Protein backbone atom coordinates (compact mmCIF):
# COMPACT_ATOMS: atom_id res chain seq x y z
CA MET A 1 102.04 108.25 70.88
CA ASN A 2 103.12 105.27 72.97
CA CYS A 3 101.91 101.65 72.79
CA VAL A 4 98.86 102.33 75.00
CA GLY A 5 97.71 105.29 72.92
CA GLU A 6 98.96 108.08 75.20
CA TYR A 7 100.74 111.15 73.90
CA GLU A 8 104.21 110.77 75.37
CA LEU A 9 107.22 113.05 75.79
CA ASP A 10 110.33 110.85 75.80
CA LEU A 11 113.32 112.52 77.48
CA ARG A 12 114.99 109.38 78.84
CA ALA A 13 118.77 109.01 78.97
CA ASN A 14 119.58 112.64 78.14
CA ARG A 15 121.77 113.39 81.19
CA LEU A 16 119.26 115.98 82.38
CA VAL A 17 120.05 117.48 85.79
CA ASN A 18 116.95 119.67 86.01
CA ILE A 19 113.64 120.16 84.26
CA GLU A 20 112.39 123.63 83.38
CA ASN A 21 109.46 125.03 81.43
CA LEU A 22 107.42 121.83 81.17
CA GLY A 23 104.40 124.10 81.60
CA ALA A 24 105.13 125.30 78.06
CA THR A 25 103.98 121.90 76.77
CA GLU A 26 100.46 123.27 77.24
CA ASN A 27 99.46 120.13 79.13
CA GLN A 28 99.36 118.01 75.97
CA PHE A 29 101.15 114.88 77.24
CA GLN A 30 99.61 112.00 79.15
CA SER A 31 102.96 110.33 79.72
CA ILE A 32 106.42 111.80 80.32
CA ASP A 33 109.49 109.58 80.44
CA LEU A 34 112.39 111.12 82.36
CA SER A 35 114.08 107.79 83.12
CA ASP A 36 117.84 107.39 83.33
CA ASN A 37 118.79 111.03 83.76
CA ALA A 38 120.54 112.80 86.65
CA LEU A 39 117.47 114.36 88.26
CA ALA A 40 117.44 114.86 92.03
CA ARG A 41 114.72 117.48 92.63
CA LEU A 42 111.27 117.96 91.13
CA GLU A 43 110.02 120.70 93.45
CA ASP A 44 109.00 123.04 90.63
CA PHE A 45 107.41 120.40 88.43
CA PRO A 46 104.23 121.98 87.04
CA LYS A 47 100.76 120.61 87.71
CA LEU A 48 99.78 118.91 84.45
CA SER A 49 96.19 117.69 84.68
CA LYS A 50 96.40 115.37 81.65
CA LEU A 51 99.56 113.65 82.93
CA ARG A 52 98.81 110.04 83.91
CA THR A 53 102.26 108.44 83.84
CA LEU A 54 105.58 109.93 84.93
CA HIS A 55 108.61 107.64 84.54
CA LEU A 56 111.46 108.58 86.89
CA ASN A 57 113.41 105.33 87.33
CA GLY A 58 117.17 105.60 87.09
CA ASN A 59 117.29 109.04 88.76
CA LYS A 60 118.29 109.95 92.31
CA ILE A 61 115.17 111.86 93.33
CA VAL A 62 115.39 113.32 96.84
CA LYS A 63 112.67 116.00 96.67
CA ILE A 64 109.39 116.19 94.74
CA GLY A 65 106.70 118.82 94.46
CA ARG A 66 103.72 118.51 96.76
CA HIS A 67 101.23 117.91 93.92
CA LEU A 68 103.28 114.91 92.71
CA GLU A 69 102.82 113.09 96.01
CA GLY A 70 100.17 110.36 96.16
CA GLU A 71 96.82 111.25 97.63
């Protein structure tokens, strides 16, 4: 749980180049921190209805999934 009371998955600074199987988290996180990795594409990022905060700073994102775009 982070400082604002959200259940958070902290994967920052792990040299990740891709993200797979986040759907297996069973939508339990409100915040996911993927900062400071080597991510470039999030096209297959699952739709997670409880997710409120997604930290991506320090990556070189060039492509994101349609449902991650602002409305």
